[in-house]
Amino acid sequence: MKKIPIYLLLFLVFFSNADAFQFEQLIKAKSLENVEIKQFEDDGLAHFSYAVGVDGGIVLVDPGRDPQPYYDYAASKNAKIIGVIETHPHADFVSSHLEIYQTTGATIYVSKLVGANYPHQAFDEGDEIVLSPNVKLRAVFTPGHSPDGISIVVEENGEDVAVFTGDTLFIGDVGRPDLRESAGSIMAKREELAKMMYKSTREKLMTLDDEVAVFPAHGAGSLCGKSMSQEKSSTIGAEKATNYALQEMTEAEFVSLLLEDQPFIPKYFPFNVDVNKIGAEPFVASVEKVTILERNYQPGPGSIIIDGRHEAEYKASHLEDAVNIMDGAKFETWLGSIVAPGDSFYLIGKDEVHLQALISKTAKIGYETFIQGAFVFDAKDGMQSDTFDQDLFDQNKDAFTIIDIRNAGEVAEGKVFENAINIPLPELMERAGEIPTGKPVVIHCGTGYRSAAGSSIVKNALKTTKVLDMSGAILEYKK
């Protein structure tokens, strides 16, 4: 078989986004002769999953909720999915590992520490999956992000060539250690997990050859870390040279550095850990169970209503008490940050196609089971939102109560308006009552996306107060 360098394989996979791929980082990566690695990307969740192909067999690593892309890939290669590896019970998305097992018979490999409640084979430190006489996958115990996390080393011809690091090592970052204090079979304090991360990186991952390629489970935009690179892959050597968390420091210094400035924890994270420990229902079957209601349905008083339409459509006509989480790159994250697990809600789309897309996105975090009903809303006689008048605002900013709904870390980097009150969006549903009502209220975020949700939440809480969404105009004040 012709020898294909791993960086060339990756370049081919990412040919549609080549200018975002830094070829230089992977020039020193080792070559692959008998194995092909395919990376799948879910932009909305900044999630990477993988297919490792050898001699007509494919092992998946950390698959997302919808298994169809993996089935399609296997079919295109005339290959069979024979295994699924879960590096840990993920907090930010629901995995399809159980469904893939039920459909294909593929073995699920996961650490015994997970306490998985589905058919599986324990896969722990030193255990191997032999894919061919030349290729094997080796488990390495790398706790830190979670107490039950493993990384997967690809060994070819007796030499380590790549490692799937799950949520332990990211490009430019390491996994946050504060998500398992109240979730999963094993719980651990963040300080304990941070110490585990120090040892996992120093004793397990940094001891691999510099040329070993690194494939993480997440990239920039994920809330499983705090400063991930835009790059999608790297090498151990590149990370040792550039990753802040892999620089020389004491354990105490590392723990302090890792724990500071971590982003907020979405409400749905512990729920997803528990779902992944059990295994989710099949994706399509679960989505099809969602009740589709008649167009322009009117939910009863006190209902939670999530309107996924564009802000312009929402502001022109919407239902009372609807929260405008616009369909976009982070719809799933903000849905799971605003609505708590177990809270039933109605879901609105602009048309049937859009509604189905929203339901599918909702299922990525396991929230389709909480949808009380979904329907299209296109009525023109609904409630209208107040319009933000930028000229009037500029004339006298003190005439408005300004609410900054960015996260604390963003505000720490600098306020846009000195007199703004900071209430982060994930806390706004519970804290909107703290907002003074003597003046019109202006809501702003960082780019204009979150303020659509924020302004609708505040208006629902302060019904007699004028509430204005600054929207994209915020960019003019951040120059």
Protein backbone atom coordinates (compact mmCIF):
# COMPACT_ATOMS: atom_id res chain seq x y z
CA MET A 1 0.00 0.00 0.00
CA LYS A 2 1.25 3.45 -0.88
CA LYS A 3 2.51 5.44 2.10
CA ILE A 4 0.26 8.47 2.71
CA PRO A 5 1.42 11.10 5.23
CA ILE A 6 -1.19 11.81 7.90
CA TYR A 7 -1.16 15.54 7.19
CA LEU A 8 -2.07 14.83 3.57
CA LEU A 9 -4.98 12.64 4.66
CA LEU A 10 -6.23 15.44 6.86
CA PHE A 11 -5.78 17.99 4.09
CA LEU A 12 -7.95 15.85 1.83
CA VAL A 13 -10.63 15.56 4.52
CA PHE A 14 -10.67 19.34 4.99
CA PHE A 15 -10.28 20.40 1.36
CA SER A 16 -13.52 22.44 1.59
CA ASN A 17 -12.07 24.54 4.41
CA ALA A 18 -8.42 24.44 3.45
CA ASP A 19 -7.61 28.03 4.35
CA ALA A 20 -8.60 27.35 7.97
CA PHE A 21 -6.23 24.40 8.14
CA GLN A 22 -2.65 25.10 9.15
CA PHE A 23 -0.55 22.69 7.14
CA GLU A 24 2.62 23.67 8.99
CA GLN A 25 1.43 22.29 12.33
CA LEU A 26 1.30 18.74 11.06
CA ILE A 27 4.36 18.53 8.81
CA LYS A 28 6.17 16.45 11.41
CA ALA A 29 3.30 14.02 11.94
CA LYS A 30 4.08 10.38 11.35
CA SER A 31 2.91 8.62 8.20
CA LEU A 32 0.07 6.11 8.01
CA GLU A 33 0.40 3.05 5.82
CA ASN A 34 -2.49 0.77 6.76
CA VAL A 35 -5.08 2.96 8.46
CA GLU A 36 -7.32 5.83 7.39
CA ILE A 37 -8.65 8.39 9.86
CA LYS A 38 -11.76 10.41 8.99
CA GLN A 39 -12.80 13.37 11.10
CA PHE A 40 -16.46 14.41 11.32
CA GLU A 41 -17.37 17.90 12.56
CA ASP A 42 -20.57 19.23 14.10
CA ASP A 43 -20.22 23.02 13.97
CA GLY A 44 -23.08 23.74 16.35
CA LEU A 45 -21.52 21.75 19.18
CA ALA A 46 -17.89 22.21 18.08
CA HIS A 47 -17.71 18.42 18.28
CA PHE A 48 -15.26 16.17 16.46
CA SER A 49 -15.85 12.44 16.03
CA TYR A 50 -13.79 9.93 14.12
CA ALA A 51 -13.79 6.80 12.00
CA VAL A 52 -10.67 4.63 12.05
CA GLY A 53 -10.65 2.38 9.01
CA VAL A 54 -8.51 -0.72 8.57
CA ASP A 55 -9.01 -3.60 6.11
CA GLY A 56 -12.76 -3.10 5.68
CA GLY A 57 -13.46 -2.56 9.37
CA ILE A 58 -14.28 0.76 11.02
CA VAL A 59 -14.07 1.77 14.67
CA LEU A 60 -15.85 5.00 15.62
CA VAL A 61 -14.63 7.33 18.35
CA ASP A 62 -17.08 9.57 20.24
CA PRO A 63 -19.94 9.58 17.68
CA GLY A 64 -22.67 12.23 17.79
CA ARG A 65 -26.42 11.64 18.20
CA ASP A 66 -27.24 11.07 14.53
CA PRO A 67 -25.50 7.89 13.33
CA GLN A 68 -26.36 8.35 9.64
CA PRO A 69 -23.13 10.18 8.64
CA TYR A 70 -21.13 7.22 9.98
CA TYR A 71 -23.31 4.69 8.16
CA ASP A 72 -22.93 6.70 4.94
CA TYR A 73 -19.17 6.85 5.33
CA ALA A 74 -18.91 3.12 5.99
CA ALA A 75 -21.02 2.42 2.91
CA SER A 76 -18.82 4.69 0.78
CA LYS A 77 -15.81 2.65 1.88
CA ASN A 78 -17.63 -0.68 1.51
CA ALA A 79 -16.69 -1.23 5.16
CA LYS A 80 -18.40 -2.47 8.32
CA ILE A 81 -18.60 -0.62 11.63
CA ILE A 82 -17.17 -3.11 14.11
CA GLY A 83 -16.58 -0.96 17.18
CA VAL A 84 -17.52 2.26 18.98
CA ILE A 85 -15.25 3.83 21.59
CA GLU A 86 -16.53 6.33 24.13
CA THR A 87 -13.64 8.25 25.68
CA HIS A 88 -15.96 9.27 28.54
CA PRO A 89 -19.65 10.07 29.14
CA HIS A 90 -19.94 13.36 27.28
CA ALA A 91 -21.65 16.33 28.90
CA ASP A 92 -22.34 18.53 25.89
CA PHE A 93 -23.98 16.12 23.44
CA VAL A 94 -25.80 12.81 23.36
CA SER A 95 -23.91 9.97 21.69
CA SER A 96 -25.31 7.32 19.33
CA HIS A 97 -23.12 4.52 20.69
CA LEU A 98 -26.05 2.40 21.90
CA GLU A 99 -28.02 2.87 18.68
CA ILE A 100 -25.01 1.91 16.56
CA TYR A 101 -24.58 -1.24 18.64
CA GLN A 102 -28.26 -2.08 18.23
CA THR A 103 -28.15 -1.49 14.47
CA THR A 104 -24.78 -2.95 13.49
CA GLY A 105 -23.78 -5.21 16.36
CA ALA A 106 -20.58 -3.20 16.81
CA THR A 107 -18.90 -3.63 20.19
CA ILE A 108 -18.99 -0.60 22.49
CA TYR A 109 -15.71 0.03 24.31
CA VAL A 110 -15.70 2.23 27.41
CA SER A 111 -13.82 2.42 30.70
CA LYS A 112 -15.15 0.18 33.45
CA LEU A 113 -15.17 3.26 35.68
CA VAL A 114 -18.08 4.71 33.72
CA GLY A 115 -20.45 2.11 35.15
CA ALA A 116 -22.19 1.94 31.78
CA ASN A 117 -25.72 0.54 31.78
CA TYR A 118 -25.56 -0.80 28.22
CA PRO A 119 -23.81 -3.81 26.63
CA HIS A 120 -20.11 -3.01 26.40
CA GLN A 121 -16.57 -4.26 26.75
CA ALA A 122 -14.38 -2.62 29.37
CA PHE A 123 -11.53 -0.72 27.74
CA ASP A 124 -8.95 0.51 30.21
CA GLU A 125 -5.23 1.25 30.58
CA GLY A 126 -3.23 -1.14 28.40
CA ASP A 127 -6.23 -2.84 26.78
CA GLU A 128 -5.99 -3.20 23.01
CA ILE A 129 -8.26 -3.58 20.00
CA VAL A 130 -6.35 -5.42 17.27
CA LEU A 131 -7.61 -4.24 13.88
CA SER A 132 -5.03 -6.05 11.75
CA PRO A 133 -1.59 -7.63 12.16
CA ASN A 134 -0.17 -4.12 11.74
CA VAL A 135 -2.67 -1.87 13.51
CA LYS A 136 -4.05 -1.77 17.03
CA LEU A 137 -5.81 0.74 19.27
CA ARG A 138 -4.56 1.06 22.84
CA ALA A 139 -6.41 2.56 25.80
CA VAL A 140 -4.60 5.06 28.01
CA PHE A 141 -6.23 6.18 31.28
CA THR A 142 -6.29 9.99 31.18
CA PRO A 143 -8.62 11.36 33.87
CA GLY A 144 -8.85 15.09 34.48
CA HIS A 145 -11.81 16.36 32.52
CA SER A 146 -13.68 13.37 33.90
CA PRO A 147 -12.56 10.75 36.42
CA ASP A 148 -13.30 7.97 33.91
CA GLY A 149 -11.70 9.41 30.79
CA ILE A 150 -9.48 7.47 28.39
CA SER A 151 -7.42 8.42 25.35
CA ILE A 152 -6.90 6.06 22.41
CA VAL A 153 -3.46 5.58 20.88
CA VAL A 154 -3.26 4.32 17.30
CA GLU A 155 -0.31 1.96 16.96
CA GLU A 156 0.92 0.95 13.52
CA ASN A 157 3.80 -1.44 12.90
CA GLY A 158 4.69 -1.21 16.60
CA GLU A 159 4.91 2.59 16.54
CA ASP A 160 2.50 5.15 18.03
CA VAL A 161 1.22 7.36 15.20
CA ALA A 162 -1.90 9.13 16.52
CA VAL A 163 -3.94 9.65 19.66
CA PHE A 164 -7.62 10.43 20.17
CA THR A 165 -7.61 12.55 23.30
CA GLY A 166 -11.34 12.96 23.93
CA ASP A 167 -11.84 15.92 26.26
CA THR A 168 -8.45 15.54 27.95
CA LEU A 169 -6.19 17.38 25.50
CA PHE A 170 -7.53 19.94 23.06
CA ILE A 171 -5.68 22.01 20.50
CA GLY A 172 -4.33 24.88 22.60
CA ASP A 173 -6.13 23.80 25.76
CA VAL A 174 -7.08 20.94 28.07
CA GLY A 175 -10.51 19.85 29.28
CA ARG A 176 -12.18 21.74 32.08
CA PRO A 177 -12.17 19.83 35.40
CA ASP A 178 -15.40 21.15 36.90
CA LEU A 179 -18.17 19.16 35.19
CA ARG A 180 -18.27 16.02 37.29
CA GLU A 181 -18.91 17.31 40.79
CA SER A 182 -22.55 16.24 40.61
CA ALA A 183 -22.90 13.92 37.61
CA GLY A 184 -21.93 10.40 36.56
CA SER A 185 -21.17 7.20 38.46
CA ILE A 186 -17.95 8.69 39.79
CA MET A 187 -17.99 12.24 41.11
CA ALA A 188 -14.89 14.25 41.93
CA LYS A 189 -14.11 17.75 43.11
CA ARG A 190 -12.67 20.10 40.53
CA GLU A 191 -9.39 20.44 42.42
CA GLU A 192 -8.95 16.66 42.43
CA LEU A 193 -9.71 16.43 38.73
CA ALA A 194 -7.32 19.28 37.95
CA LYS A 195 -4.56 17.33 39.72
CA MET A 196 -5.49 14.26 37.67
CA MET A 197 -5.26 16.37 34.51
CA TYR A 198 -1.76 17.48 35.48
CA LYS A 199 -0.64 13.87 35.77
CA SER A 200 -2.50 12.70 32.66
CA THR A 201 -0.90 15.33 30.47
CA ARG A 202 2.60 15.00 31.93
CA GLU A 203 2.79 11.25 32.51
CA LYS A 204 0.64 9.89 29.68
CA LEU A 205 0.26 12.26 26.74
CA MET A 206 3.41 14.38 26.78
CA THR A 207 5.51 11.20 26.90
CA LEU A 208 4.27 10.23 23.42
CA ASP A 209 6.56 11.04 20.49
CA ASP A 210 6.38 14.62 19.25
CA GLU A 211 5.26 13.39 15.82
CA VAL A 212 2.14 11.64 17.15
CA ALA A 213 -0.97 13.31 15.70
CA VAL A 214 -3.55 14.66 18.16
CA PHE A 215 -7.27 14.34 17.47
CA PRO A 216 -9.51 15.92 20.17
CA ALA A 217 -13.27 15.58 20.66
CA HIS A 218 -13.87 19.34 20.53
CA GLY A 219 -12.66 22.55 18.95
CA ALA A 220 -13.11 26.30 19.32
CA GLY A 221 -16.57 27.24 20.54
CA SER A 222 -17.01 24.27 22.85
CA LEU A 223 -17.71 24.93 26.52
CA CYS A 224 -15.65 21.88 27.52
CA GLY A 225 -12.57 24.11 27.63
CA LYS A 226 -11.73 27.81 27.86
CA SER A 227 -9.24 28.68 25.11
CA MET A 228 -9.33 26.15 22.29
CA SER A 229 -7.60 26.85 19.01
CA GLN A 230 -9.44 27.12 15.70
CA GLU A 231 -7.31 24.22 14.47
CA LYS A 232 -8.90 20.81 14.18
CA SER A 233 -5.84 18.63 14.82
CA SER A 234 -2.23 18.94 15.87
CA THR A 235 0.75 16.92 17.08
CA ILE A 236 2.09 16.21 20.54
CA GLY A 237 5.17 18.27 19.70
CA ALA A 238 3.15 21.25 18.53
CA GLU A 239 1.03 21.15 21.68
CA LYS A 240 4.07 20.89 23.94
CA ALA A 241 5.43 23.99 22.24
CA THR A 242 2.28 26.13 22.14
CA ASN A 243 -0.39 24.85 24.55
CA TYR A 244 -0.47 26.99 27.71
CA ALA A 245 -1.45 23.99 29.84
CA LEU A 246 1.55 21.90 28.77
CA GLN A 247 4.22 24.40 29.73
CA GLU A 248 6.57 23.80 32.64
CA MET A 249 4.89 24.54 35.97
CA THR A 250 4.21 22.94 39.33
CA GLU A 251 1.06 20.97 40.02
CA ALA A 252 -0.23 23.77 42.24
CA GLU A 253 0.39 26.36 39.53
CA PHE A 254 -1.35 24.14 36.99
CA VAL A 255 -4.41 23.63 39.19
CA SER A 256 -4.73 27.35 39.84
CA LEU A 257 -4.33 28.20 36.15
CA LEU A 258 -6.79 25.56 34.98
CA LEU A 259 -9.53 26.48 37.43
CA GLU A 260 -9.53 30.19 36.69
CA ASP A 261 -11.78 31.80 34.07
CA GLN A 262 -13.64 28.65 33.06
CA PRO A 263 -16.89 29.41 31.20
CA PHE A 264 -20.33 28.83 32.67
CA ILE A 265 -21.75 25.31 32.89
CA PRO A 266 -24.95 24.89 30.83
CA LYS A 267 -27.90 23.41 32.68
CA TYR A 268 -28.04 20.40 30.39
CA PHE A 269 -24.47 19.14 30.95
CA PRO A 270 -25.14 16.84 33.96
CA PHE A 271 -28.24 15.50 32.20
CA ASN A 272 -26.23 14.50 29.13
CA VAL A 273 -23.65 12.70 31.27
CA ASP A 274 -26.44 10.59 32.73
CA VAL A 275 -28.07 9.93 29.34
CA ASN A 276 -24.77 8.81 27.84
CA LYS A 277 -24.15 6.47 30.75
CA ILE A 278 -27.45 4.73 29.96
CA GLY A 279 -27.55 5.19 26.19
CA ALA A 280 -30.08 7.21 24.21
CA GLU A 281 -33.07 6.10 22.18
CA PRO A 282 -32.49 5.72 18.42
CA PHE A 283 -32.26 9.17 16.86
CA VAL A 284 -34.90 9.01 14.11
CA ALA A 285 -37.41 7.08 16.21
CA SER A 286 -37.11 9.56 19.06
CA VAL A 287 -37.45 12.59 16.77
CA GLU A 288 -40.53 11.09 15.14
CA LYS A 289 -42.21 10.81 18.55
CA VAL A 290 -42.36 14.61 18.86
CA THR A 291 -45.95 15.84 18.60
CA ILE A 292 -46.47 18.20 15.66
CA LEU A 293 -49.30 20.64 16.40
CA GLU A 294 -51.41 22.73 14.06
CA ARG A 295 -49.98 25.91 12.57
CA ASN A 296 -50.11 28.93 14.91
CA TYR A 297 -51.04 26.80 17.92
CA GLN A 298 -51.74 28.71 21.14
CA PRO A 299 -50.09 27.11 24.22
CA GLY A 300 -51.75 27.64 27.58
CA PRO A 301 -50.69 30.27 30.14
CA GLY A 302 -47.39 29.64 31.88
CA SER A 303 -45.99 27.49 29.07
CA ILE A 304 -42.33 27.63 28.12
CA ILE A 305 -42.21 28.52 24.41
CA ILE A 306 -38.98 28.47 22.40
CA ASP A 307 -39.20 30.37 19.12
CA GLY A 308 -36.32 29.41 16.82
CA ARG A 309 -37.14 31.86 14.05
CA HIS A 310 -34.89 34.75 13.01
CA GLU A 311 -35.13 37.78 15.28
CA ALA A 312 -36.76 39.90 12.55
CA GLU A 313 -39.60 37.39 12.16
CA TYR A 314 -39.98 37.10 15.91
CA LYS A 315 -40.05 40.86 16.51
CA ALA A 316 -42.63 41.40 13.77
CA SER A 317 -45.06 38.87 15.26
CA HIS A 318 -44.70 36.38 18.09
CA LEU A 319 -46.59 34.64 20.86
CA GLU A 320 -46.68 36.14 24.33
CA ASP A 321 -43.99 34.66 26.61
CA ALA A 322 -42.05 33.09 23.73
CA VAL A 323 -38.25 33.11 24.09
CA ASN A 324 -36.40 33.85 20.85
CA ILE A 325 -33.46 31.43 20.67
CA MET A 326 -32.61 31.96 17.02
CA ASP A 327 -31.66 28.95 14.96
CA GLY A 328 -27.93 29.36 14.50
CA ALA A 329 -24.55 27.87 15.26
CA LYS A 330 -25.21 27.67 19.01
CA PHE A 331 -28.94 26.93 19.17
CA GLU A 332 -28.41 23.67 21.05
CA THR A 333 -26.08 25.21 23.63
CA TRP A 334 -28.38 28.11 24.45
CA LEU A 335 -31.48 25.94 24.53
CA GLY A 336 -29.77 23.71 27.09
CA SER A 337 -28.52 26.73 29.02
CA ILE A 338 -31.86 28.52 29.27
CA VAL A 339 -34.25 25.57 29.63
CA ALA A 340 -33.50 23.15 32.47
CA PRO A 341 -33.62 19.37 31.87
CA GLY A 342 -37.07 18.03 32.59
CA ASP A 343 -38.87 21.29 31.82
CA SER A 344 -41.43 20.72 29.06
CA PHE A 345 -41.51 23.33 26.31
CA TYR A 346 -43.12 24.15 22.98
CA LEU A 347 -40.93 24.63 19.92
CA ILE A 348 -41.66 27.04 17.05
CA GLY A 349 -40.22 27.05 13.52
CA LYS A 350 -40.87 29.29 10.53
CA ASP A 351 -42.03 26.42 8.28
CA GLU A 352 -42.20 22.62 8.30
CA VAL A 353 -38.65 22.09 7.05
CA HIS A 354 -37.22 24.53 9.58
CA LEU A 355 -39.25 22.96 12.38
CA GLN A 356 -37.87 19.49 11.65
CA ALA A 357 -34.33 20.89 11.58
CA LEU A 358 -34.89 22.48 14.99
CA ILE A 359 -36.25 19.23 16.42
CA SER A 360 -33.15 17.40 15.16
CA LYS A 361 -30.87 19.99 16.75
CA THR A 362 -32.80 19.66 19.99
CA ALA A 363 -32.22 15.90 19.89
CA LYS A 364 -28.45 16.40 19.79
CA ILE A 365 -28.64 17.28 23.49
CA GLY A 366 -31.44 14.85 24.30
CA TYR A 367 -34.07 17.57 24.70
CA GLU A 368 -36.49 16.19 22.11
CA THR A 369 -38.09 14.20 24.93
CA PHE A 370 -39.03 17.48 26.66
CA ILE A 371 -40.85 18.96 23.64
CA GLN A 372 -44.51 19.22 24.63
CA GLY A 373 -45.40 20.07 21.04
CA ALA A 374 -43.82 21.66 17.97
CA PHE A 375 -45.52 23.90 15.44
CA VAL A 376 -45.06 26.45 12.70
CA PHE A 377 -45.87 30.06 13.56
CA ASP A 378 -46.41 32.49 10.71
CA ALA A 379 -49.34 34.57 11.96
CA LYS A 380 -49.03 38.29 11.29
CA ASP A 381 -51.18 39.43 14.21
CA GLY A 382 -48.97 38.33 17.09
CA MET A 383 -47.19 40.53 19.60
CA GLN A 384 -44.59 42.98 18.31
CA SER A 385 -41.30 43.86 19.98
CA ASP A 386 -40.23 47.40 20.79
CA THR A 387 -37.68 48.80 18.33
CA PHE A 388 -34.24 49.97 19.43
CA ASP A 389 -33.64 53.57 18.28
CA GLN A 390 -29.87 53.96 18.17
CA ASP A 391 -29.95 57.72 17.60
CA LEU A 392 -32.15 58.23 20.65
CA PHE A 393 -29.92 55.94 22.70
CA ASP A 394 -26.79 57.85 21.66
CA GLN A 395 -28.34 61.17 22.66
CA ASN A 396 -28.74 60.13 26.31
CA LYS A 397 -27.55 56.69 27.36
CA ASP A 398 -28.36 57.51 30.99
CA ALA A 399 -32.04 57.48 30.07
CA PHE A 400 -31.83 53.69 29.69
CA THR A 401 -31.08 50.77 31.97
CA ILE A 402 -28.44 48.79 30.10
CA ILE A 403 -28.20 45.05 30.72
CA ASP A 404 -25.05 43.26 29.56
CA ILE A 405 -25.88 39.55 29.19
CA ARG A 406 -22.37 38.43 28.30
CA ASN A 407 -20.58 35.92 30.48
CA ALA A 408 -18.49 37.15 33.40
CA GLY A 409 -15.23 36.33 31.60
CA GLU A 410 -16.22 38.50 28.65
CA VAL A 411 -17.16 41.40 30.90
CA ALA A 412 -13.85 41.06 32.77
CA GLU A 413 -12.06 41.77 29.49
CA GLY A 414 -13.83 45.12 29.31
CA LYS A 415 -17.26 46.68 29.63
CA VAL A 416 -18.87 48.23 26.56
CA PHE A 417 -20.96 50.60 28.67
CA GLU A 418 -19.64 51.51 32.12
CA ASN A 419 -23.07 51.77 33.75
CA ALA A 420 -24.32 48.44 32.40
CA ILE A 421 -25.62 45.78 34.79
CA ASN A 422 -24.20 42.33 34.07
CA ILE A 423 -26.61 39.40 34.25
CA PRO A 424 -25.30 36.52 32.09
CA LEU A 425 -27.85 35.00 29.73
CA PRO A 426 -27.87 31.57 31.46
CA GLU A 427 -28.97 33.31 34.69
CA LEU A 428 -31.42 35.73 33.14
CA MET A 429 -34.56 33.60 33.43
CA GLU A 430 -34.09 33.44 37.20
CA ARG A 431 -32.73 36.96 37.74
CA ALA A 432 -34.74 39.18 35.37
CA GLY A 433 -36.75 40.42 38.36
CA GLU A 434 -33.62 42.19 39.65
CA ILE A 435 -33.67 44.65 36.74
CA PRO A 436 -34.84 48.20 37.63
CA THR A 437 -38.01 49.16 35.77
CA GLY A 438 -37.92 52.96 36.01
CA LYS A 439 -36.39 53.38 32.53
CA PRO A 440 -36.55 51.57 29.20
CA VAL A 441 -34.27 48.52 29.32
CA VAL A 442 -31.66 47.89 26.61
CA ILE A 443 -30.20 44.40 26.27
CA HIS A 444 -26.81 43.78 24.67
CA CYS A 445 -24.43 40.86 24.25
CA GLY A 446 -21.20 40.52 22.27
CA THR A 447 -22.37 40.22 18.68
CA GLY A 448 -26.16 40.49 18.68
CA TYR A 449 -27.16 36.81 18.68
CA ARG A 450 -27.72 36.26 22.40
CA SER A 451 -29.52 39.56 22.94
CA ALA A 452 -32.49 38.26 20.92
CA ALA A 453 -33.03 35.58 23.56
CA GLY A 454 -32.12 37.91 26.40
CA SER A 455 -34.51 40.70 25.42
CA SER A 456 -37.39 38.24 25.00
CA ILE A 457 -36.73 36.74 28.44
CA VAL A 458 -36.64 40.17 30.08
CA LYS A 459 -39.79 41.33 28.30
CA ASN A 460 -41.62 38.23 29.50
CA ALA A 461 -40.61 39.07 33.07
CA LEU A 462 -41.16 42.85 32.87
CA LYS A 463 -44.32 43.04 30.81
CA THR A 464 -45.09 46.73 31.44
CA THR A 465 -41.52 47.91 30.80
CA LYS A 466 -40.17 48.83 27.37
CA VAL A 467 -37.44 46.30 26.55
CA LEU A 468 -35.12 46.92 23.60
CA ASP A 469 -32.75 44.55 21.83
CA MET A 470 -29.57 46.32 20.72
CA SER A 471 -28.91 43.35 18.42
CA GLY A 472 -26.02 43.76 15.96
CA ALA A 473 -25.67 47.48 16.71
CA ILE A 474 -23.45 46.45 19.63
CA LEU A 475 -20.61 45.92 17.16
CA GLU A 476 -20.47 49.66 16.49
CA TYR A 477 -19.83 50.34 20.18
CA LYS A 478 -17.11 47.70 20.46
CA LYS A 479 -14.89 49.24 17.78
